[in-house]
C-alpha atoms as a PDB file:
ATOM      1  CA  MET A   1       8.010   8.967  17.063  1.00  0.00           C
ATOM      2  CA  ARG A   2       6.974   5.339  17.167  1.00  0.00           C
ATOM      3  CA  GLY A   3       4.593   5.872  14.226  1.00  0.00           C
ATOM      4  CA  ILE A   4       7.398   7.345  12.124  1.00  0.00           C
ATOM      5  CA  VAL A   5       9.616   4.328  12.795  1.00  0.00           C
ATOM      6  CA  LYS A   6       6.781   2.037  11.686  1.00  0.00           C
ATOM      7  CA  VAL A   7       6.361   4.010   8.447  1.00  0.00           C
ATOM      8  CA  VAL A   8      10.101   3.870   7.751  1.00  0.00           C
ATOM      9  CA  GLU A   9      10.089   0.100   8.326  1.00  0.00           C
ATOM     10  CA  LYS A  10       7.145  -0.331   5.926  1.00  0.00           C
ATOM     11  CA  ALA A  11       8.788   1.845   3.264  1.00  0.00           C
ATOM     12  CA  THR A  12      12.084  -0.005   3.617  1.00  0.00           C
ATOM     13  CA  GLY A  13      10.292  -3.343   3.311  1.00  0.00           C
ATOM     14  CA  PHE A  14       8.443  -2.125   0.231  1.00  0.00           C
ATOM     15  CA  PHE A  15      11.618  -1.013  -1.514  1.00  0.00           C
ATOM     16  CA  ASN A  16      13.500  -4.159  -0.521  1.00  0.00           C
ATOM     17  CA  ASN A  17      10.668  -6.201  -2.026  1.00  0.00           C
ATOM     18  CA  LEU A  18      10.729  -4.038  -5.139  1.00  0.00           C
ATOM     19  CA  LEU A  19      14.481  -4.451  -5.514  1.00  0.00           C
ATOM     20  CA  ASN A  20      14.138  -8.222  -5.102  1.00  0.00           C
ATOM     21  CA  THR A  21      11.417  -8.497  -7.763  1.00  0.00           C
ATOM     22  CA  LEU A  22      12.835  -6.001 -10.273  1.00  0.00           C
ATOM     23  CA  PRO A  23      15.445  -8.385 -11.767  1.00  0.00           C
ATOM     24  CA  GLY A  24      12.750 -11.034 -12.245  1.00  0.00           C
ATOM     25  CA  PHE A  25      10.529  -8.490 -13.966  1.00  0.00           C
ATOM     26  CA  ILE A  26      13.338  -7.406 -16.273  1.00  0.00           C
ATOM     27  CA  ASP A  27      14.258 -11.031 -17.070  1.00  0.00           C
ATOM     28  CA  ALA A  28      10.621 -11.820 -17.879  1.00  0.00           C
ATOM     29  CA  TYR A  29      10.366  -8.747 -20.105  1.00  0.00           C
ATOM     30  CA  GLN A  30      13.561  -9.671 -21.941  1.00  0.00           C
ATOM     31  CA  SER A  31      12.323 -13.224 -22.517  1.00  0.00           C
ATOM     32  CA  VAL A  32       9.343 -11.836 -24.453  1.00  0.00           C
ATOM     33  CA  THR A  33      11.135  -9.181 -26.476  1.00  0.00           C
ATOM     34  CA  ILE A  34      14.637  -7.833 -26.717  1.00  0.00           C
ATOM     35  CA  PRO A  35      14.696  -4.357 -25.170  1.00  0.00           C
ATOM     36  CA  THR A  36      15.871  -1.441 -27.225  1.00  0.00           C
ATOM     37  CA  LEU A  37      18.916   0.484 -26.074  1.00  0.00           C
ATOM     38  CA  GLY A  38      16.784   3.186 -24.443  1.00  0.00           C
ATOM     39  CA  GLU A  39      14.524   0.904 -22.420  1.00  0.00           C
ATOM     40  CA  PRO A  40      17.004  -0.174 -19.711  1.00  0.00           C
ATOM     41  CA  TRP A  41      17.958   3.474 -19.268  1.00  0.00           C
ATOM     42  CA  ALA A  42      14.315   4.344 -18.709  1.00  0.00           C
ATOM     43  CA  ILE A  43      13.876   1.941 -15.770  1.00  0.00           C
ATOM     44  CA  PRO A  44      15.239   4.314 -13.072  1.00  0.00           C
ATOM     45  CA  LEU A  45      13.144   7.158 -14.449  1.00  0.00           C
ATOM     46  CA  MET A  46      10.012   5.007 -14.475  1.00  0.00           C
ATOM     47  CA  LEU A  47      10.704   3.883 -10.903  1.00  0.00           C
ATOM     48  CA  ARG A  48      10.933   7.525  -9.852  1.00  0.00           C
ATOM     49  CA  LEU A  49       7.720   8.298 -11.699  1.00  0.00           C
ATOM     50  CA  ALA A  50       5.933   5.367 -10.040  1.00  0.00           C
ATOM     51  CA  LEU A  51       7.211   6.509  -6.643  1.00  0.00           C
ATOM     52  CA  LEU A  52       5.963  10.047  -7.237  1.00  0.00           C
ATOM     53  CA  GLU A  53       2.567   8.764  -8.368  1.00  0.00           C
ATOM     54  CA  ASN A  54       2.325   6.613  -5.263  1.00  0.00           C
ATOM     55  CA  LEU A  55       3.262   9.584  -3.075  1.00  0.00           C
ATOM     56  CA  ARG A  56       0.572  11.646  -4.805  1.00  0.00           C
ATOM     57  CA  ARG A  57      -2.067   9.006  -4.008  1.00  0.00           C
ATOM     58  CA  VAL A  58      -0.934   8.840  -0.391  1.00  0.00           C
ATOM     59  CA  ALA A  59      -1.039  12.651  -0.129  1.00  0.00           C
ATOM     60  CA  VAL A  60      -4.585  12.717  -1.530  1.00  0.00           C
ATOM     61  CA  ARG A  61      -5.679  10.113   1.042  1.00  0.00           C
ATOM     62  CA  ILE A  62      -4.016  12.020   3.892  1.00  0.00           C
ATOM     63  CA  PHE A  63      -5.604  15.285   2.745  1.00  0.00           C
ATOM     64  CA  ALA A  64      -9.061  13.700   2.571  1.00  0.00           C
ATOM     65  CA  GLU A  65      -8.604  12.141   6.013  1.00  0.00           C
ATOM     66  CA  ARG A  66      -7.552  15.472   7.523  1.00  0.00           C
ATOM     67  CA  GLN A  67     -10.520  17.203   5.924  1.00  0.00           C
ATOM     68  CA  ALA A  68     -12.835  14.569   7.393  1.00  0.00           C
ATOM     69  CA  GLN A  69     -11.217  14.994  10.817  1.00  0.00           C
ATOM     70  CA  ALA A  70     -11.604  18.777  10.651  1.00  0.00           C
ATOM     71  CA  LYS A  71     -15.238  18.441   9.605  1.00  0.00           C
ATOM     72  CA  ALA A  72     -15.939  15.970  12.408  1.00  0.00           C
ATOM     73  CA  ALA A  73     -14.298  18.307  14.946  1.00  0.00           C
ATOM     74  CA  LEU A  74     -16.372  21.233  13.667  1.00  0.00           C
ATOM     75  CA  GLU A  75     -19.576  19.215  13.882  1.00  0.00           C
ATOM     76  CA  ALA A  76     -18.666  17.986  17.355  1.00  0.00           C
ATOM     77  CA  ASN A  77     -18.001  21.557  18.503  1.00  0.00           C
ATOM     78  CA  ARG A  78     -21.370  22.635  17.088  1.00  0.00           C
ATOM     79  CA  MET A  79     -23.058  19.778  18.935  1.00  0.00           C
ATOM     80  CA  ILE A  80     -21.296  20.650  22.195  1.00  0.00           C
ATOM     81  CA  ALA A  81     -22.271  24.315  21.850  1.00  0.00           C
ATOM     82  CA  VAL A  82     -25.903  23.448  21.137  1.00  0.00           C
ATOM     83  CA  ALA A  83     -25.976  20.921  23.988  1.00  0.00           C
ATOM     84  CA  GLU A  84     -24.710  23.603  26.391  1.00  0.00           C
ATOM     85  CA  SER A  85     -26.886  26.489  25.188  1.00  0.00           C
ATOM     86  CA  GLU A  86     -30.024  24.851  23.751  1.00  0.00           C
ATOM     87  CA  PRO A  87     -30.121  21.165  24.753  1.00  0.00           C
ATOM     88  CA  GLN A  88     -33.648  20.767  23.407  1.00  0.00           C
ATOM     89  CA  ASN A  89     -32.345  21.472  19.869  1.00  0.00           C
ATOM     90  CA  LEU A  90     -29.491  18.961  19.968  1.00  0.00           C
ATOM     91  CA  ILE A  91     -31.500  16.152  18.399  1.00  0.00           C
ATOM     92  CA  LEU A  92     -32.600  18.490  15.588  1.00  0.00           C
ATOM     93  CA  LEU A  93     -28.972  19.406  14.877  1.00  0.00           C
ATOM     94  CA  ILE A  94     -27.914  15.755  14.824  1.00  0.00           C
ATOM     95  CA  ALA A  95     -30.795  14.904  12.475  1.00  0.00           C
ATOM     96  CA  ALA A  96     -29.818  17.764  10.148  1.00  0.00           C
ATOM     97  CA  MET A  97     -26.200  16.594  10.115  1.00  0.00           C
ATOM     98  CA  ALA A  98     -27.263  13.017   9.374  1.00  0.00           C
ATOM     99  CA  ARG A  99     -29.408  14.175   6.458  1.00  0.00           C
ATOM    100  CA  SER A 100     -26.801  16.488   4.944  1.00  0.00           C
ATOM    101  CA  ASP A 101     -23.826  14.144   5.137  1.00  0.00           C
ATOM    102  CA  PRO A 102     -23.160  10.691   6.570  1.00  0.00           C
ATOM    103  CA  PRO A 103     -22.018  10.979  10.197  1.00  0.00           C
ATOM    104  CA  HIS A 104     -18.364  10.617  10.979  1.00  0.00           C
ATOM    105  CA  GLY A 105     -18.984   7.856  13.486  1.00  0.00           C
ATOM    106  CA  GLU A 106     -15.948   7.006  15.544  1.00  0.00           C
ATOM    107  CA  ARG A 107     -14.160  10.362  15.123  1.00  0.00           C
ATOM    108  CA  LEU A 108     -17.273  12.233  16.176  1.00  0.00           C
ATOM    109  CA  ARG A 109     -17.834   9.931  19.147  1.00  0.00           C
ATOM    110  CA  CYS A 110     -14.207  10.296  20.246  1.00  0.00           C
ATOM    111  CA  ARG A 111     -14.399  14.069  19.986  1.00  0.00           C
ATOM    112  CA  ILE A 112     -17.578  14.217  22.093  1.00  0.00           C
ATOM    113  CA  SER A 113     -16.663  11.547  24.652  1.00  0.00           C
ATOM    114  CA  PRO A 114     -14.842  12.721  27.757  1.00  0.00           C
ATOM    115  CA  PRO A 115     -11.226  11.563  28.038  1.00  0.00           C
ATOM    116  CA  ALA A 116     -10.664   8.293  29.867  1.00  0.00           C
ATOM    117  CA  ALA A 117      -9.490   8.624  33.459  1.00  0.00           C
ATOM    118  CA  GLY A 118      -6.030   7.435  34.342  1.00  0.00           C
END
């Protein structure tokens, strides 16, 4: 729940900053050229479009991160299975993984490491 509160605070800060800078942006635009009648009406639509585009980029990043986490978990499970059944082949598996794709470093280490006591 704490993470959600942090995200809400960041989003609120972002929009407050946007609302504070929007009048300055509009004033600067108007000082260069007089807007047509349709341009001020388009501002809310363009803000929505920008928000949706930003959400799309965030969703793509989240999706890629989750795919990487799933791949790291799968590789860690393979390593654990090989270590339990054929420990002599573990180094060969790790070498094959390193050649086929860069290792997932911290996620992989966290998945393999035993949980901390306490």
